[in-house]
Amino acid sequence: MEVNQLSGLEQLNLIMEGKIPPPAMAVTMGTTSIDVKEGVAIFKAVANDSHLNPMGGVHGGFACTLMDSVTGCAVHSVLAPGESYGTIDLNVKMMRPVPKGVELIAEGKVINISKSLGVSEGRLVDAAGKLYAHATCTCKIIRPAK
């Protein structure tokens, strides 16, 4: 069966189970799926030397990319076979600097799905629940022509 014949949730579960390769961005970011279910995606990630800015801190793009991925995958998890999405708006609030070498959890949840838009939110936290970033995301849902 071709991947585009599967629902978004089925696709994400196959990635999580290692039955299909993860997207290249997940490899670049070093993210691993922990859990996916309808309307929810949870990843873990650890910033390393490849994520540092010129000052030696973790680049803000690390948290932004995690938030884009996890909020988008939350929307992806509710899509039917043949449907896709694209981020049209992402608002990320950085609460504190992301530490290098610390496992963080990124969780995305769908807030609303309509005919053409998916809205989700995301949180980036450590094991103690300390918040590093919060995001809201709007995705354009692309449905096949009928």
N, C-alpha and C. Protein backbone atom coordinates (compact mmCIF):
# COMPACT_ATOMS: atom_id res chain seq x y z
N MET A 1 0.84 -1.18 0.00
CA MET A 1 0.00 0.00 0.00
C MET A 1 0.89 1.25 0.00
N GLU A 2 0.49 2.23 -0.79
CA GLU A 2 1.23 3.49 -0.85
C GLU A 2 0.89 4.35 0.36
N VAL A 3 1.88 5.11 0.82
CA VAL A 3 1.71 5.93 2.02
C VAL A 3 0.56 6.92 1.85
N ASN A 4 0.38 7.48 0.65
CA ASN A 4 -0.69 8.47 0.46
C ASN A 4 -2.09 7.85 0.49
N GLN A 5 -2.17 6.54 0.58
CA GLN A 5 -3.47 5.86 0.71
C GLN A 5 -3.83 5.62 2.18
N LEU A 6 -2.93 6.03 3.07
CA LEU A 6 -3.15 5.86 4.50
C LEU A 6 -3.61 7.17 5.12
N SER A 7 -4.30 7.07 6.24
CA SER A 7 -4.67 8.29 6.97
C SER A 7 -3.40 8.90 7.57
N GLY A 8 -3.51 10.15 7.99
CA GLY A 8 -2.37 10.80 8.63
C GLY A 8 -1.93 10.06 9.88
N LEU A 9 -2.87 9.61 10.67
CA LEU A 9 -2.55 8.88 11.90
C LEU A 9 -1.84 7.56 11.58
N GLU A 10 -2.31 6.86 10.55
CA GLU A 10 -1.64 5.62 10.15
C GLU A 10 -0.21 5.90 9.70
N GLN A 11 0.00 6.96 8.94
CA GLN A 11 1.35 7.32 8.49
C GLN A 11 2.26 7.60 9.68
N LEU A 12 1.77 8.42 10.62
CA LEU A 12 2.58 8.78 11.78
C LEU A 12 2.90 7.57 12.64
N ASN A 13 1.95 6.66 12.79
CA ASN A 13 2.21 5.45 13.58
C ASN A 13 3.25 4.57 12.91
N LEU A 14 3.23 4.46 11.58
CA LEU A 14 4.24 3.67 10.88
C LEU A 14 5.63 4.26 11.05
N ILE A 15 5.72 5.59 11.05
CA ILE A 15 7.01 6.25 11.30
C ILE A 15 7.47 5.93 12.72
N MET A 16 6.57 6.08 13.68
CA MET A 16 6.91 5.84 15.08
C MET A 16 7.36 4.39 15.31
N GLU A 17 6.73 3.46 14.60
CA GLU A 17 7.07 2.04 14.74
C GLU A 17 8.31 1.65 13.94
N GLY A 18 8.87 2.58 13.15
CA GLY A 18 10.05 2.30 12.36
C GLY A 18 9.77 1.51 11.09
N LYS A 19 8.50 1.45 10.69
CA LYS A 19 8.13 0.68 9.49
C LYS A 19 8.28 1.49 8.21
N ILE A 20 8.29 2.80 8.33
CA ILE A 20 8.65 3.68 7.21
C ILE A 20 9.64 4.71 7.77
N PRO A 21 10.53 5.21 6.93
CA PRO A 21 11.56 6.12 7.45
C PRO A 21 10.95 7.45 7.92
N PRO A 22 11.59 8.06 8.92
CA PRO A 22 11.12 9.37 9.37
C PRO A 22 11.44 10.42 8.33
N PRO A 23 10.76 11.57 8.39
CA PRO A 23 11.09 12.66 7.48
C PRO A 23 12.53 13.13 7.73
N ALA A 24 13.16 13.65 6.70
CA ALA A 24 14.55 14.12 6.82
C ALA A 24 14.70 15.16 7.92
N MET A 25 13.70 16.01 8.11
CA MET A 25 13.80 17.05 9.15
C MET A 25 13.87 16.42 10.54
N ALA A 26 13.18 15.32 10.76
CA ALA A 26 13.24 14.64 12.06
C ALA A 26 14.65 14.13 12.33
N VAL A 27 15.32 13.67 11.29
CA VAL A 27 16.70 13.21 11.44
C VAL A 27 17.61 14.39 11.73
N THR A 28 17.44 15.48 10.99
CA THR A 28 18.24 16.69 11.21
C THR A 28 18.08 17.22 12.63
N MET A 29 16.86 17.22 13.12
CA MET A 29 16.57 17.75 14.45
C MET A 29 16.86 16.76 15.56
N GLY A 30 16.98 15.49 15.23
CA GLY A 30 17.20 14.48 16.25
C GLY A 30 15.96 14.20 17.07
N THR A 31 14.79 14.32 16.45
CA THR A 31 13.54 14.08 17.17
C THR A 31 13.11 12.62 17.03
N THR A 32 12.43 12.16 18.06
CA THR A 32 11.86 10.82 18.08
C THR A 32 10.41 10.93 18.51
N SER A 33 9.53 10.24 17.82
CA SER A 33 8.13 10.23 18.22
C SER A 33 7.97 9.37 19.47
N ILE A 34 7.25 9.90 20.45
CA ILE A 34 6.94 9.15 21.66
C ILE A 34 5.54 8.58 21.57
N ASP A 35 4.60 9.41 21.08
CA ASP A 35 3.21 8.99 21.00
C ASP A 35 2.50 9.82 19.95
N VAL A 36 1.61 9.18 19.23
CA VAL A 36 0.70 9.87 18.33
C VAL A 36 -0.67 9.22 18.47
N LYS A 37 -1.66 10.06 18.53
CA LYS A 37 -3.04 9.60 18.51
C LYS A 37 -3.85 10.70 17.86
N GLU A 38 -5.12 10.46 17.64
CA GLU A 38 -5.92 11.44 16.92
C GLU A 38 -5.88 12.79 17.63
N GLY A 39 -5.34 13.79 16.93
CA GLY A 39 -5.28 15.15 17.44
C GLY A 39 -4.11 15.45 18.34
N VAL A 40 -3.20 14.49 18.53
CA VAL A 40 -2.06 14.69 19.45
C VAL A 40 -0.79 14.08 18.85
N ALA A 41 0.31 14.81 18.99
CA ALA A 41 1.63 14.28 18.61
C ALA A 41 2.60 14.68 19.71
N ILE A 42 3.42 13.72 20.15
CA ILE A 42 4.40 13.98 21.20
C ILE A 42 5.76 13.45 20.73
N PHE A 43 6.75 14.34 20.76
CA PHE A 43 8.12 14.02 20.36
C PHE A 43 9.06 14.27 21.52
N LYS A 44 10.24 13.67 21.44
CA LYS A 44 11.33 14.06 22.33
C LYS A 44 12.50 14.49 21.46
N ALA A 45 13.31 15.39 22.01
CA ALA A 45 14.46 15.89 21.27
C ALA A 45 15.50 16.41 22.26
N VAL A 46 16.75 16.35 21.83
CA VAL A 46 17.87 16.86 22.62
C VAL A 46 18.71 17.75 21.71
N ALA A 47 18.86 19.01 22.09
CA ALA A 47 19.72 19.91 21.32
C ALA A 47 21.18 19.51 21.52
N ASN A 48 21.94 19.56 20.42
CA ASN A 48 23.36 19.21 20.50
C ASN A 48 24.19 20.30 19.82
N ASP A 49 25.46 20.06 19.65
CA ASP A 49 26.36 21.08 19.07
C ASP A 49 25.92 21.56 17.70
N SER A 50 25.24 20.72 16.94
CA SER A 50 24.81 21.14 15.59
C SER A 50 23.65 22.13 15.65
N HIS A 51 23.09 22.37 16.83
CA HIS A 51 21.96 23.30 16.98
C HIS A 51 22.36 24.63 17.63
N LEU A 52 23.67 24.88 17.74
CA LEU A 52 24.13 26.08 18.45
C LEU A 52 24.21 27.30 17.54
N ASN A 53 23.99 28.46 18.13
CA ASN A 53 24.15 29.73 17.42
C ASN A 53 25.60 30.21 17.59
N PRO A 54 25.98 31.33 16.96
CA PRO A 54 27.37 31.81 17.05
C PRO A 54 27.81 32.13 18.48
N MET A 55 26.87 32.37 19.40
CA MET A 55 27.22 32.69 20.79
C MET A 55 27.38 31.44 21.65
N GLY A 56 27.12 30.25 21.07
CA GLY A 56 27.27 29.01 21.80
C GLY A 56 26.01 28.52 22.49
N GLY A 57 24.91 29.26 22.35
CA GLY A 57 23.63 28.83 22.90
C GLY A 57 22.83 28.07 21.85
N VAL A 58 21.78 27.39 22.28
CA VAL A 58 20.91 26.68 21.34
C VAL A 58 20.14 27.72 20.53
N HIS A 59 20.23 27.62 19.23
CA HIS A 59 19.55 28.54 18.31
C HIS A 59 18.05 28.50 18.53
N GLY A 60 17.41 29.66 18.48
CA GLY A 60 15.96 29.73 18.65
C GLY A 60 15.20 28.92 17.61
N GLY A 61 15.82 28.70 16.47
CA GLY A 61 15.19 27.90 15.43
C GLY A 61 14.96 26.45 15.85
N PHE A 62 15.72 25.98 16.83
CA PHE A 62 15.52 24.62 17.32
C PHE A 62 14.12 24.48 17.91
N ALA A 63 13.76 25.36 18.84
CA ALA A 63 12.43 25.32 19.45
C ALA A 63 11.35 25.60 18.41
N CYS A 64 11.60 26.57 17.53
CA CYS A 64 10.60 26.91 16.49
C CYS A 64 10.33 25.72 15.57
N THR A 65 11.39 25.03 15.18
CA THR A 65 11.22 23.88 14.29
C THR A 65 10.48 22.75 15.00
N LEU A 66 10.82 22.51 16.27
CA LEU A 66 10.09 21.49 17.03
C LEU A 66 8.61 21.84 17.13
N MET A 67 8.32 23.12 17.38
CA MET A 67 6.92 23.53 17.51
C MET A 67 6.19 23.40 16.18
N ASP A 68 6.83 23.75 15.08
CA ASP A 68 6.21 23.60 13.76
C ASP A 68 5.93 22.13 13.48
N SER A 69 6.89 21.28 13.80
CA SER A 69 6.73 19.85 13.53
C SER A 69 5.63 19.23 14.37
N VAL A 70 5.64 19.49 15.66
CA VAL A 70 4.68 18.82 16.54
C VAL A 70 3.26 19.36 16.37
N THR A 71 3.10 20.65 16.13
CA THR A 71 1.76 21.19 15.89
C THR A 71 1.24 20.74 14.53
N GLY A 72 2.12 20.68 13.54
CA GLY A 72 1.72 20.18 12.23
C GLY A 72 1.35 18.72 12.26
N CYS A 73 2.13 17.92 12.99
CA CYS A 73 1.82 16.48 13.08
C CYS A 73 0.52 16.23 13.84
N ALA A 74 0.18 17.09 14.79
CA ALA A 74 -1.11 16.95 15.47
C ALA A 74 -2.24 17.11 14.45
N VAL A 75 -2.11 18.10 13.57
CA VAL A 75 -3.10 18.28 12.49
C VAL A 75 -3.05 17.09 11.53
N HIS A 76 -1.84 16.67 11.17
CA HIS A 76 -1.66 15.54 10.26
C HIS A 76 -2.40 14.31 10.77
N SER A 77 -2.43 14.14 12.09
CA SER A 77 -3.03 12.94 12.69
C SER A 77 -4.54 12.84 12.50
N VAL A 78 -5.19 13.91 12.10
CA VAL A 78 -6.65 13.86 11.90
C VAL A 78 -7.03 13.85 10.42
N LEU A 79 -6.04 13.80 9.54
CA LEU A 79 -6.32 13.85 8.11
C LEU A 79 -6.68 12.47 7.55
N ALA A 80 -7.55 12.50 6.56
CA ALA A 80 -7.97 11.28 5.86
C ALA A 80 -6.94 10.92 4.78
N PRO A 81 -7.00 9.70 4.26
CA PRO A 81 -6.10 9.34 3.17
C PRO A 81 -6.19 10.35 2.02
N GLY A 82 -5.04 10.71 1.47
CA GLY A 82 -4.99 11.63 0.34
C GLY A 82 -4.97 13.10 0.74
N GLU A 83 -5.22 13.41 2.01
CA GLU A 83 -5.20 14.80 2.46
C GLU A 83 -3.80 15.16 2.96
N SER A 84 -3.47 16.44 2.84
CA SER A 84 -2.20 16.91 3.36
C SER A 84 -2.42 18.30 3.97
N TYR A 85 -1.34 18.92 4.41
CA TYR A 85 -1.46 20.23 5.04
C TYR A 85 -0.18 21.01 4.83
N GLY A 86 -0.26 22.30 5.06
CA GLY A 86 0.91 23.16 5.06
C GLY A 86 0.72 24.23 6.13
N THR A 87 1.78 24.53 6.86
CA THR A 87 1.71 25.58 7.88
C THR A 87 1.56 26.93 7.20
N ILE A 88 0.56 27.70 7.63
CA ILE A 88 0.41 29.06 7.09
C ILE A 88 0.71 30.12 8.15
N ASP A 89 0.69 29.74 9.41
CA ASP A 89 1.00 30.68 10.48
C ASP A 89 1.52 29.91 11.68
N LEU A 90 2.62 30.37 12.23
CA LEU A 90 3.20 29.76 13.41
C LEU A 90 3.64 30.88 14.34
N ASN A 91 3.14 30.89 15.56
CA ASN A 91 3.50 31.89 16.55
C ASN A 91 4.15 31.16 17.72
N VAL A 92 5.43 31.43 17.95
CA VAL A 92 6.17 30.76 19.01
C VAL A 92 6.61 31.79 20.04
N LYS A 93 6.33 31.49 21.28
CA LYS A 93 6.79 32.31 22.41
C LYS A 93 7.88 31.52 23.13
N MET A 94 9.08 32.09 23.18
CA MET A 94 10.20 31.47 23.88
C MET A 94 10.13 31.91 25.35
N MET A 95 10.02 30.97 26.25
CA MET A 95 9.90 31.29 27.66
C MET A 95 11.26 31.35 28.37
N ARG A 96 12.20 30.54 27.89
CA ARG A 96 13.54 30.53 28.45
C ARG A 96 14.46 29.86 27.44
N PRO A 97 15.78 30.05 27.57
CA PRO A 97 16.71 29.42 26.62
C PRO A 97 16.62 27.90 26.68
N VAL A 98 16.68 27.28 25.51
CA VAL A 98 16.69 25.82 25.43
C VAL A 98 18.09 25.33 25.81
N PRO A 99 18.18 24.40 26.75
CA PRO A 99 19.50 23.90 27.14
C PRO A 99 20.03 22.85 26.16
N LYS A 100 21.33 22.80 26.04
CA LYS A 100 21.97 21.76 25.23
C LYS A 100 22.10 20.50 26.08
N GLY A 101 21.85 19.35 25.46
CA GLY A 101 22.08 18.08 26.13
C GLY A 101 20.99 17.64 27.09
N VAL A 102 19.86 18.32 27.09
CA VAL A 102 18.75 17.97 27.99
C VAL A 102 17.58 17.48 27.15
N GLU A 103 17.05 16.31 27.49
CA GLU A 103 15.90 15.79 26.74
C GLU A 103 14.67 16.65 27.03
N LEU A 104 14.06 17.11 25.95
CA LEU A 104 12.84 17.91 26.04
C LEU A 104 11.69 17.17 25.37
N ILE A 105 10.50 17.46 25.81
CA ILE A 105 9.29 16.86 25.25
C ILE A 105 8.49 17.96 24.54
N ALA A 106 8.15 17.71 23.29
CA ALA A 106 7.31 18.62 22.51
C ALA A 106 5.97 17.95 22.30
N GLU A 107 4.90 18.62 22.71
CA GLU A 107 3.56 18.06 22.56
C GLU A 107 2.69 19.02 21.78
N GLY A 108 2.05 18.50 20.73
CA GLY A 108 1.11 19.27 19.93
C GLY A 108 -0.28 18.71 20.06
N LYS A 109 -1.27 19.60 20.14
CA LYS A 109 -2.67 19.19 20.25
C LYS A 109 -3.52 20.03 19.31
N VAL A 110 -4.45 19.38 18.64
CA VAL A 110 -5.39 20.08 17.78
C VAL A 110 -6.38 20.85 18.65
N ILE A 111 -6.64 22.09 18.27
CA ILE A 111 -7.65 22.91 18.93
C ILE A 111 -8.94 22.90 18.12
N ASN A 112 -8.80 22.99 16.79
CA ASN A 112 -9.98 23.04 15.92
C ASN A 112 -9.61 22.59 14.51
N ILE A 113 -10.53 21.85 13.91
CA ILE A 113 -10.39 21.46 12.51
C ILE A 113 -11.65 21.92 11.79
N SER A 114 -11.46 22.61 10.68
CA SER A 114 -12.60 23.01 9.86
C SER A 114 -12.41 22.42 8.47
N LYS A 115 -13.23 22.86 7.55
CA LYS A 115 -13.16 22.36 6.17
C LYS A 115 -11.79 22.62 5.54
N SER A 116 -11.20 23.78 5.85
CA SER A 116 -9.96 24.13 5.18
C SER A 116 -8.80 24.48 6.11
N LEU A 117 -9.04 24.56 7.41
CA LEU A 117 -7.97 24.94 8.34
C LEU A 117 -7.90 24.00 9.53
N GLY A 118 -6.68 23.80 10.00
CA GLY A 118 -6.45 23.09 11.25
C GLY A 118 -5.68 24.01 12.17
N VAL A 119 -6.15 24.16 13.41
CA VAL A 119 -5.49 25.01 14.38
C VAL A 119 -5.03 24.12 15.53
N SER A 120 -3.76 24.31 15.92
CA SER A 120 -3.19 23.48 16.98
C SER A 120 -2.31 24.34 17.87
N GLU A 121 -1.95 23.77 19.01
CA GLU A 121 -1.01 24.45 19.90
C GLU A 121 0.05 23.45 20.34
N GLY A 122 1.19 23.99 20.76
CA GLY A 122 2.28 23.14 21.19
C GLY A 122 2.98 23.68 22.41
N ARG A 123 3.60 22.75 23.13
CA ARG A 123 4.39 23.09 24.31
C ARG A 123 5.70 22.33 24.26
N LEU A 124 6.77 22.99 24.67
CA LEU A 124 8.09 22.36 24.79
C LEU A 124 8.49 22.42 26.25
N VAL A 125 8.63 21.25 26.88
CA VAL A 125 8.89 21.18 28.32
C VAL A 125 10.02 20.19 28.61
N ASP A 126 10.58 20.31 29.83
CA ASP A 126 11.54 19.30 30.27
C ASP A 126 10.81 18.26 31.13
N ALA A 127 11.55 17.32 31.69
CA ALA A 127 10.95 16.22 32.46
C ALA A 127 10.21 16.72 33.70
N ALA A 128 10.61 17.87 34.23
CA ALA A 128 9.95 18.44 35.41
C ALA A 128 8.74 19.29 35.03
N GLY A 129 8.48 19.43 33.73
CA GLY A 129 7.35 20.23 33.28
C GLY A 129 7.66 21.70 33.08
N LYS A 130 8.93 22.09 33.19
CA LYS A 130 9.33 23.49 32.99
C LYS A 130 9.11 23.85 31.52
N LEU A 131 8.42 24.96 31.28
CA LEU A 131 8.06 25.37 29.93
C LEU A 131 9.19 26.17 29.27
N TYR A 132 9.61 25.73 28.08
CA TYR A 132 10.64 26.43 27.31
C TYR A 132 10.05 27.21 26.15
N ALA A 133 8.96 26.71 25.56
CA ALA A 133 8.32 27.42 24.44
C ALA A 133 6.85 26.99 24.35
N HIS A 134 6.06 27.90 23.84
CA HIS A 134 4.64 27.64 23.58
C HIS A 134 4.34 28.15 22.18
N ALA A 135 3.49 27.44 21.45
CA ALA A 135 3.19 27.84 20.08
C ALA A 135 1.72 27.65 19.75
N THR A 136 1.27 28.46 18.82
CA THR A 136 -0.01 28.23 18.16
C THR A 136 0.27 28.17 16.67
N CYS A 137 -0.49 27.35 15.98
CA CYS A 137 -0.23 27.09 14.57
C CYS A 137 -1.54 26.98 13.80
N THR A 138 -1.55 27.54 12.61
CA THR A 138 -2.68 27.37 11.69
C THR A 138 -2.15 26.69 10.44
N CYS A 139 -2.83 25.63 10.05
CA CYS A 139 -2.43 24.86 8.87
C CYS A 139 -3.55 24.90 7.83
N LYS A 140 -3.16 25.03 6.58
CA LYS A 140 -4.11 24.92 5.47
C LYS A 140 -4.24 23.44 5.17
N ILE A 141 -5.46 22.95 5.20
CA ILE A 141 -5.72 21.55 4.86
C ILE A 141 -5.96 21.44 3.37
N ILE A 142 -5.23 20.55 2.73
CA ILE A 142 -5.31 20.36 1.29
C ILE A 142 -6.04 19.03 1.04
N ARG A 143 -7.23 19.15 0.53
CA ARG A 143 -8.06 17.97 0.28
C ARG A 143 -8.07 17.69 -1.22
N PRO A 144 -8.10 16.41 -1.61
CA PRO A 144 -8.12 16.08 -3.04
C PRO A 144 -9.42 16.59 -3.69
N ALA A 145 -9.30 16.98 -4.94
CA ALA A 145 -10.48 17.42 -5.70
C ALA A 145 -11.43 16.24 -5.89
N LYS A 146 -12.71 16.55 -5.81
CA LYS A 146 -13.71 15.47 -5.97
C LYS A 146 -14.35 15.54 -7.31
